Protein backbone atom coordinates (compact mmCIF):
# COMPACT_ATOMS: atom_id res chain seq x y z
CA UNK A 1 36.23 29.05 -6.64
CA UNK A 2 35.14 25.48 -7.42
CA UNK A 3 31.83 25.67 -5.77
CA UNK A 4 29.56 26.98 -8.51
CA UNK A 5 28.16 23.47 -9.43
CA UNK A 6 27.55 22.20 -6.00
CA UNK A 7 24.37 24.73 -5.57
CA UNK A 8 23.06 23.08 -8.77
CA UNK A 9 23.73 19.54 -7.40
CA UNK A 10 22.04 20.45 -4.29
CA UNK A 11 18.89 21.56 -6.28
CA UNK A 12 18.98 18.46 -8.30
CA UNK A 13 19.28 16.45 -4.93
CA UNK A 14 16.21 17.96 -3.58
CA UNK A 15 14.21 17.70 -6.74
CA UNK A 16 14.93 13.95 -6.93
CA UNK A 17 15.01 12.97 -3.35
CA UNK A 18 11.70 14.75 -2.16
CA UNK A 19 9.30 12.89 -4.32
CA UNK A 20 10.69 9.48 -3.09
CA UNK A 21 10.52 10.64 0.61
CA UNK A 22 6.82 11.38 -0.06
CA UNK A 23 6.34 8.11 -1.95
CA UNK A 24 8.13 6.18 0.93
CA UNK A 25 5.95 7.73 3.58
CA UNK A 26 2.64 6.95 1.60
CA UNK A 27 3.84 3.53 0.94
CA UNK A 28 4.54 2.93 4.59
CA UNK A 29 1.05 4.13 5.39
CA UNK A 30 -0.46 1.86 2.97
CA UNK A 31 1.57 -1.01 4.53
CA UNK A 32 0.37 -0.18 7.99
CA UNK A 33 -3.28 0.03 7.10
CA UNK A 34 -2.96 -3.27 5.20
CA UNK A 35 -1.34 -4.91 8.10
CA UNK A 36 -3.84 -3.66 10.46
CA UNK A 37 -6.80 -4.97 8.12
CA UNK A 38 -5.20 -8.42 8.18
CA UNK A 39 -4.74 -8.45 11.88
CA UNK A 40 -8.61 -7.32 12.10
CA UNK A 41 -9.49 -9.97 9.68
CA UNK A 42 -7.39 -12.68 11.46
CA UNK A 43 -9.10 -11.74 14.78
CA UNK A 44 -12.57 -12.01 13.30
CA UNK A 45 -11.82 -15.38 11.88
CA UNK A 46 -10.33 -16.55 15.33
CA UNK A 47 -13.33 -15.19 17.27
CA UNK A 48 -15.78 -17.03 14.88
CA UNK A 49 -13.82 -20.35 14.94
CA UNK A 50 -13.81 -20.26 18.80
CA UNK A 51 -17.42 -19.57 18.93
CA UNK A 52 -18.12 -22.53 16.39
CA UNK A 53 -15.99 -24.87 18.51
CA UNK A 54 -18.14 -23.92 21.64
CA UNK A 55 -21.23 -24.63 19.75
CA UNK A 56 -19.81 -27.90 18.54
CA UNK A 57 -19.22 -28.90 22.21
CA UNK A 58 -22.65 -28.24 23.27
CA UNK A 59 -24.35 -30.02 20.19
CA UNK A 60 -26.08 -33.09 20.77
CA UNK A 61 -24.71 -36.37 19.09
CA UNK A 62 -27.75 -36.90 16.72
CA UNK A 63 -26.69 -36.97 13.20
CA UNK A 64 -29.17 -34.43 12.02
CA UNK A 65 -28.17 -31.94 14.44
CA UNK A 66 -24.48 -32.19 13.49
CA UNK A 67 -25.50 -31.90 9.79
CA UNK A 68 -27.30 -28.83 10.42
CA UNK A 69 -24.44 -27.40 12.71
CA UNK A 70 -22.03 -28.12 9.83
CA UNK A 71 -24.42 -26.37 7.43
CA UNK A 72 -24.49 -23.23 9.67
CA UNK A 73 -20.70 -23.32 10.06
CA UNK A 74 -20.38 -23.58 6.23
CA UNK A 75 -22.86 -20.64 5.69
CA UNK A 76 -21.12 -18.35 8.19
CA UNK A 77 -17.57 -19.28 7.04
CA UNK A 78 -18.64 -18.78 3.28
CA UNK A 79 -20.19 -15.35 4.19
CA UNK A 80 -16.97 -14.17 6.14
CA UNK A 81 -14.78 -15.32 3.22
CA UNK A 82 -16.66 -13.29 0.82
CA UNK A 83 -16.56 -10.25 3.35
CA UNK A 84 -13.02 -10.94 3.52
CA UNK A 85 -12.46 -10.87 -0.24
CA UNK A 86 -14.28 -7.48 -0.34
CA UNK A 87 -12.32 -5.92 2.43
CA UNK A 88 -9.01 -7.07 0.74
CA UNK A 89 -10.29 -5.80 -2.65
CA UNK A 90 -11.36 -2.34 -1.19
CA UNK A 91 -7.92 -2.02 0.76
CA UNK A 92 -5.97 -2.86 -2.32
CA UNK A 93 -7.91 -0.47 -4.61
CA UNK A 94 -7.65 2.41 -2.14
CA UNK A 95 -3.89 1.61 -1.92
CA UNK A 96 -3.36 1.79 -5.37
CA UNK A 97 -5.28 4.90 -5.73
CA UNK A 98 -3.40 6.72 -3.06
CA UNK A 99 -0.02 5.71 -4.21
CA UNK A 100 -1.06 6.75 -7.76
CA UNK A 101 -2.07 9.99 -6.50
CA UNK A 102 1.18 10.50 -4.64
CA UNK A 103 3.33 9.51 -7.61
CA UNK A 104 1.42 11.74 -10.13
CA UNK A 105 1.42 14.80 -8.01
CA UNK A 106 5.13 14.40 -6.80
CA UNK A 107 6.42 13.73 -10.14
CA UNK A 108 4.43 16.46 -11.83
CA UNK A 109 6.02 18.87 -9.22
CA UNK A 110 9.56 17.60 -10.03
CA UNK A 111 8.96 17.93 -13.86
CA UNK A 112 7.86 21.43 -13.20
CA UNK A 113 10.99 22.33 -11.23
CA UNK A 114 13.48 24.65 -12.66
CA UNK A 115 16.36 22.21 -12.99
CA UNK A 116 16.68 20.52 -16.34
CA UNK A 117 19.38 17.85 -16.39
CA UNK A 118 19.89 18.18 -20.24
CA UNK A 119 20.73 21.87 -19.92
CA UNK A 120 23.60 22.11 -17.34
CA UNK A 121 26.57 19.99 -16.42
CA UNK A 122 28.40 20.98 -13.28
CA UNK A 123 26.97 24.41 -13.32
CA UNK A 124 27.97 25.13 -16.85
CA UNK A 125 25.96 25.17 -20.04
CA UNK A 126 26.52 21.95 -21.94
CA UNK A 127 27.37 21.87 -25.61
CA UNK A 128 25.64 19.63 -28.12
CA UNK A 129 29.09 17.52 -28.15
CA UNK A 130 28.92 17.18 -24.30
CA UNK A 131 25.34 15.87 -24.32
CA UNK A 132 26.31 13.21 -26.84
C-alpha cells in the first residue's frame, strides 16, 4: 500500500532525534553540576561573611585593630574570590569538553547511519530533477 515510505521516515526520525536526546541529557547534567557548584560557592561565601561579622563584633574599638581586621577580611575575600574564579573556570572548561564529546560522538554516529537524505524521498529513489 502506501506505507513503504513510513519505515524510512521512522529510521530518519531515530537518526535525528537520538543524538539530540543524548545532548539534552548531557546539557541537563552540566546545568545540574553548575547549579550545585554555584550553591556551594554561595554557601561558602555566606559562612565566611557570617564568621567575619562575628569577629567584627568581638574586635576592640582601637583603630589599629580595626585596620588589621579589615586587612584580614580583605585577604580572606581576595583569596576566596580567586578560588571561586578557578572553580568557575574549571566547571566551564569541563562542561565544554563534555558537551563537545557528546556532540562529536553522537553526530559521528548519525553521519555513519545508513540513511542519506539526498538518496531517497518518500521511500523512492530521487532523480536529479527532484533533488533540484
